[in-house]
Structures are given as structure tokens and as C-alpha cells.
Amino acid sequence: MWHILFGILLILHGLIFILFLIYVKLPENEGYFGWSRKSWLLDRVLNEKIVKIVGIVLWILVLGGFLGSGIVILVKHESWRIIDIIASFISLFAFILFWNELKPKPIRFILGPIIAIVNIIALLIVKWPTDTAIFG
């Protein structure tokens, strides 16, 4: 039962990252929503096209990582934990690289890095939840 809940939550969490693959104009001149395809750090050393590719690859890895972790937990396999940890680290890395370029205001996306940090602490350090608790 718990594995179904965790699996669905991880899949939903992964789907949220689709928002970073789009960049849409909001109605009535309210600006844009999503990731602007720029980086406060990478723009200094890489050209615009490379920054865009790096960002898209990172966001797809995060999306796929959480989707994969959710699917793996639904089939009751213990490897969900390592997939989730890796996706959380990539997510945190992507948020660090692209934070200032999340529109309309980066602070609206603060829950993303918080979830990544909590995931890393819970799964890697505290070792919670245990596979026994999830799979029974």
C-alpha cells in the first residue's frame, strides 16, 4: 500500500519538472513563466546554445529520474532509493545553475530545492523510509 502512495508521489513530483522545459508568455504582459534558457553561471563561460542544451538535459534527467524512481517503487524494487537520490542531486544542481533565470520570480520555486535537500537527507543520511516500511 505505501509503495503505491510513494510511487505516485514520486511520479507527480517528476511531472512537475515539465514546467522547466517550457517557457510561456503569461497573459496581459505579466511576463513569462518557466526557465528562460539562461544561467547566471554558465552564460559567463558557454555560448547560449550550449547553456540551453545543458539545461534541457539536466531538467530531462530530473524528470526521468523521479518518474523512473516512482515506477521502480511501484514494481517493488529496492533500486528506487538510489534513483531518487541521484535525481535529487541533479535537481539541486540544476536549481543552483539556473535559479536566477526561473521566471516570474525564483522564490516561487523555492519548494524544489527544499524537497531535493529533504530527499537527500532522508534517504542518504537518515535512511528513511526503509524498504521494509514501504514494501511491508
C-alpha atoms as a PDB file:
ATOM      1  CA  MET A   1       0.000   0.000   0.000  1.00  0.00           C
ATOM      2  CA  TRP A   2       2.719   2.514   0.998  1.00  0.00           C
ATOM      3  CA  HIS A   3       4.723   1.737  -2.128  1.00  0.00           C
ATOM      4  CA  ILE A   4       1.756   2.827  -4.262  1.00  0.00           C
ATOM      5  CA  LEU A   5       1.480   6.154  -2.415  1.00  0.00           C
ATOM      6  CA  PHE A   6       5.241   6.831  -2.597  1.00  0.00           C
ATOM      7  CA  GLY A   7       5.359   5.742  -6.228  1.00  0.00           C
ATOM      8  CA  ILE A   8       2.541   8.067  -7.240  1.00  0.00           C
ATOM      9  CA  LEU A   9       4.078  10.963  -5.283  1.00  0.00           C
ATOM     10  CA  LEU A  10       7.441  10.459  -6.987  1.00  0.00           C
ATOM     11  CA  ILE A  11       5.809  10.309 -10.421  1.00  0.00           C
ATOM     12  CA  LEU A  12       3.849  13.508  -9.729  1.00  0.00           C
ATOM     13  CA  HIS A  13       6.996  15.171  -8.418  1.00  0.00           C
ATOM     14  CA  GLY A  14       8.790  14.238 -11.631  1.00  0.00           C
ATOM     15  CA  LEU A  15       5.996  15.589 -13.817  1.00  0.00           C
ATOM     16  CA  ILE A  16       6.315  18.995 -12.165  1.00  0.00           C
ATOM     17  CA  PHE A  17       9.710  19.364 -13.855  1.00  0.00           C
ATOM     18  CA  ILE A  18       7.968  19.643 -17.220  1.00  0.00           C
ATOM     19  CA  LEU A  19       7.467  23.265 -16.147  1.00  0.00           C
ATOM     20  CA  PHE A  20      11.194  23.863 -16.564  1.00  0.00           C
ATOM     21  CA  LEU A  21      11.169  22.565 -20.114  1.00  0.00           C
ATOM     22  CA  ILE A  22       8.635  25.168 -21.208  1.00  0.00           C
ATOM     23  CA  TYR A  23       8.853  28.922 -21.324  1.00  0.00           C
ATOM     24  CA  VAL A  24       5.492  30.546 -21.932  1.00  0.00           C
ATOM     25  CA  LYS A  25       4.279  34.118 -22.110  1.00  0.00           C
ATOM     26  CA  LEU A  26       1.787  34.920 -19.405  1.00  0.00           C
ATOM     27  CA  PRO A  27      -1.344  36.836 -20.403  1.00  0.00           C
ATOM     28  CA  GLU A  28      -1.620  40.620 -20.211  1.00  0.00           C
ATOM     29  CA  ASN A  29       2.084  41.495 -20.121  1.00  0.00           C
ATOM     30  CA  GLU A  30       2.742  39.725 -16.838  1.00  0.00           C
ATOM     31  CA  GLY A  31       6.000  38.383 -18.245  1.00  0.00           C
ATOM     32  CA  TYR A  32       6.995  34.757 -18.673  1.00  0.00           C
ATOM     33  CA  PHE A  33       6.737  31.530 -16.722  1.00  0.00           C
ATOM     34  CA  GLY A  34       9.376  28.790 -16.640  1.00  0.00           C
ATOM     35  CA  TRP A  35      13.094  28.642 -17.245  1.00  0.00           C
ATOM     36  CA  SER A  36      14.431  31.389 -19.519  1.00  0.00           C
ATOM     37  CA  ARG A  37      17.121  29.151 -21.075  1.00  0.00           C
ATOM     38  CA  LYS A  38      19.881  31.091 -19.337  1.00  0.00           C
ATOM     39  CA  SER A  39      22.189  30.518 -16.386  1.00  0.00           C
ATOM     40  CA  TRP A  40      23.725  33.050 -14.037  1.00  0.00           C
ATOM     41  CA  LEU A  41      26.927  30.968 -14.066  1.00  0.00           C
ATOM     42  CA  LEU A  42      27.129  29.100 -17.374  1.00  0.00           C
ATOM     43  CA  ASP A  43      26.351  32.182 -19.506  1.00  0.00           C
ATOM     44  CA  ARG A  44      29.740  33.562 -18.478  1.00  0.00           C
ATOM     45  CA  VAL A  45      31.707  30.653 -19.971  1.00  0.00           C
ATOM     46  CA  LEU A  46      29.483  28.925 -22.551  1.00  0.00           C
ATOM     47  CA  ASN A  47      27.530  30.147 -25.534  1.00  0.00           C
ATOM     48  CA  GLU A  48      23.754  30.462 -25.419  1.00  0.00           C
ATOM     49  CA  LYS A  49      23.055  27.270 -27.380  1.00  0.00           C
ATOM     50  CA  ILE A  50      25.241  25.109 -25.105  1.00  0.00           C
ATOM     51  CA  VAL A  51      23.629  26.574 -21.959  1.00  0.00           C
ATOM     52  CA  LYS A  52      20.200  25.742 -23.365  1.00  0.00           C
ATOM     53  CA  ILE A  53      21.255  22.160 -24.166  1.00  0.00           C
ATOM     54  CA  VAL A  54      22.838  21.653 -20.728  1.00  0.00           C
ATOM     55  CA  GLY A  55      19.699  22.950 -19.019  1.00  0.00           C
ATOM     56  CA  ILE A  56      17.303  20.868 -21.070  1.00  0.00           C
ATOM     57  CA  VAL A  57      19.385  17.739 -20.487  1.00  0.00           C
ATOM     58  CA  LEU A  58      19.519  18.378 -16.724  1.00  0.00           C
ATOM     59  CA  TRP A  59      15.774  19.032 -16.426  1.00  0.00           C
ATOM     60  CA  ILE A  60      15.009  15.904 -18.506  1.00  0.00           C
ATOM     61  CA  LEU A  61      17.320  13.843 -16.280  1.00  0.00           C
ATOM     62  CA  VAL A  62      15.497  15.114 -13.193  1.00  0.00           C
ATOM     63  CA  LEU A  63      12.084  14.476 -14.722  1.00  0.00           C
ATOM     64  CA  GLY A  64      13.123  10.995 -15.857  1.00  0.00           C
ATOM     65  CA  GLY A  65      14.821  10.235 -12.562  1.00  0.00           C
ATOM     66  CA  PHE A  66      11.778  10.930 -10.444  1.00  0.00           C
ATOM     67  CA  LEU A  67       9.436   9.231 -12.928  1.00  0.00           C
ATOM     68  CA  GLY A  68      11.748   6.220 -13.004  1.00  0.00           C
ATOM     69  CA  SER A  69      12.036   6.128  -9.238  1.00  0.00           C
ATOM     70  CA  GLY A  70       8.261   6.203  -8.925  1.00  0.00           C
ATOM     71  CA  ILE A  71       7.799   3.406 -11.444  1.00  0.00           C
ATOM     72  CA  VAL A  72      10.519   1.281  -9.836  1.00  0.00           C
ATOM     73  CA  ILE A  73       8.932   1.657  -6.395  1.00  0.00           C
ATOM     74  CA  LEU A  74       5.556   0.640  -7.860  1.00  0.00           C
ATOM     75  CA  VAL A  75       7.097  -2.638  -9.036  1.00  0.00           C
ATOM     76  CA  LYS A  76       8.581  -3.098  -5.557  1.00  0.00           C
ATOM     77  CA  HIS A  77      12.264  -2.938  -6.406  1.00  0.00           C
ATOM     78  CA  GLU A  78      14.795  -1.583  -3.898  1.00  0.00           C
ATOM     79  CA  SER A  79      16.737   0.403  -6.518  1.00  0.00           C
ATOM     80  CA  TRP A  80      14.173   3.221  -6.258  1.00  0.00           C
ATOM     81  CA  ARG A  81      16.225   4.764  -3.461  1.00  0.00           C
ATOM     82  CA  ILE A  82      19.441   5.274  -5.464  1.00  0.00           C
ATOM     83  CA  ILE A  83      17.479   6.593  -8.461  1.00  0.00           C
ATOM     84  CA  ASP A  84      15.694   9.081  -6.203  1.00  0.00           C
ATOM     85  CA  ILE A  85      18.958  10.201  -4.571  1.00  0.00           C
ATOM     86  CA  ILE A  86      20.623  10.763  -7.951  1.00  0.00           C
ATOM     87  CA  ALA A  87      17.578  12.657  -9.267  1.00  0.00           C
ATOM     88  CA  SER A  88      17.583  14.811  -6.120  1.00  0.00           C
ATOM     89  CA  PHE A  89      21.266  15.725  -6.535  1.00  0.00           C
ATOM     90  CA  ILE A  90      20.784  16.557 -10.230  1.00  0.00           C
ATOM     91  CA  SER A  91      17.710  18.605  -9.328  1.00  0.00           C
ATOM     92  CA  LEU A  92      19.612  20.572  -6.705  1.00  0.00           C
ATOM     93  CA  PHE A  93      22.494  21.126  -9.135  1.00  0.00           C
ATOM     94  CA  ALA A  94      20.087  22.368 -11.835  1.00  0.00           C
ATOM     95  CA  PHE A  95      18.354  24.713  -9.403  1.00  0.00           C
ATOM     96  CA  ILE A  96      21.735  26.150  -8.408  1.00  0.00           C
ATOM     97  CA  LEU A  97      22.783  26.689 -12.037  1.00  0.00           C
ATOM     98  CA  PHE A  98      19.518  28.192 -13.255  1.00  0.00           C
ATOM     99  CA  TRP A  99      18.000  29.783 -10.140  1.00  0.00           C
ATOM    100  CA  ASN A 100      18.097  33.446 -11.222  1.00  0.00           C
ATOM    101  CA  GLU A 101      16.570  32.565 -14.590  1.00  0.00           C
ATOM    102  CA  LEU A 102      13.380  30.952 -13.265  1.00  0.00           C
ATOM    103  CA  LYS A 103      10.507  33.244 -14.118  1.00  0.00           C
ATOM    104  CA  PRO A 104       8.478  35.138 -12.992  1.00  0.00           C
ATOM    105  CA  LYS A 105      10.322  35.121  -9.633  1.00  0.00           C
ATOM    106  CA  PRO A 106      12.761  32.424  -8.493  1.00  0.00           C
ATOM    107  CA  ILE A 107      11.401  32.465  -4.935  1.00  0.00           C
ATOM    108  CA  ARG A 108       8.180  30.905  -6.255  1.00  0.00           C
ATOM    109  CA  PHE A 109      10.209  27.784  -6.988  1.00  0.00           C
ATOM    110  CA  ILE A 110      11.827  27.501  -3.534  1.00  0.00           C
ATOM    111  CA  LEU A 111       9.966  24.295  -2.757  1.00  0.00           C
ATOM    112  CA  GLY A 112      12.022  22.462  -5.421  1.00  0.00           C
ATOM    113  CA  PRO A 113      15.436  22.809  -3.769  1.00  0.00           C
ATOM    114  CA  ILE A 114      13.882  22.262  -0.331  1.00  0.00           C
ATOM    115  CA  ILE A 115      12.379  18.946  -1.476  1.00  0.00           C
ATOM    116  CA  ALA A 116      15.706  17.923  -3.025  1.00  0.00           C
ATOM    117  CA  ILE A 117      17.589  18.642   0.212  1.00  0.00           C
ATOM    118  CA  VAL A 118      14.975  16.852   2.347  1.00  0.00           C
ATOM    119  CA  ASN A 119      15.103  13.858  -0.025  1.00  0.00           C
ATOM    120  CA  ILE A 120      18.882  13.667   0.188  1.00  0.00           C
ATOM    121  CA  ILE A 121      18.894  13.934   3.979  1.00  0.00           C
ATOM    122  CA  ALA A 122      16.037  11.454   4.456  1.00  0.00           C
ATOM    123  CA  LEU A 123      17.248   8.827   2.009  1.00  0.00           C
ATOM    124  CA  LEU A 124      21.010   9.108   2.314  1.00  0.00           C
ATOM    125  CA  ILE A 125      21.656  10.189   5.891  1.00  0.00           C
ATOM    126  CA  VAL A 126      18.622   9.198   7.965  1.00  0.00           C
ATOM    127  CA  LYS A 127      17.901   6.174   5.725  1.00  0.00           C
ATOM    128  CA  TRP A 128      14.160   6.795   5.923  1.00  0.00           C
ATOM    129  CA  PRO A 129      11.808   5.397   4.785  1.00  0.00           C
ATOM    130  CA  THR A 130      13.121   1.860   4.949  1.00  0.00           C
ATOM    131  CA  ASP A 131      12.252  -0.648   2.249  1.00  0.00           C
ATOM    132  CA  THR A 132      10.538  -2.731   4.924  1.00  0.00           C
ATOM    133  CA  ALA A 133       8.272   0.189   5.849  1.00  0.00           C
ATOM    134  CA  ILE A 134       7.372   0.793   2.210  1.00  0.00           C
ATOM    135  CA  PHE A 135       7.089  -2.711   0.842  1.00  0.00           C
ATOM    136  CA  GLY A 136       5.888  -4.390   4.007  1.00  0.00           C
END
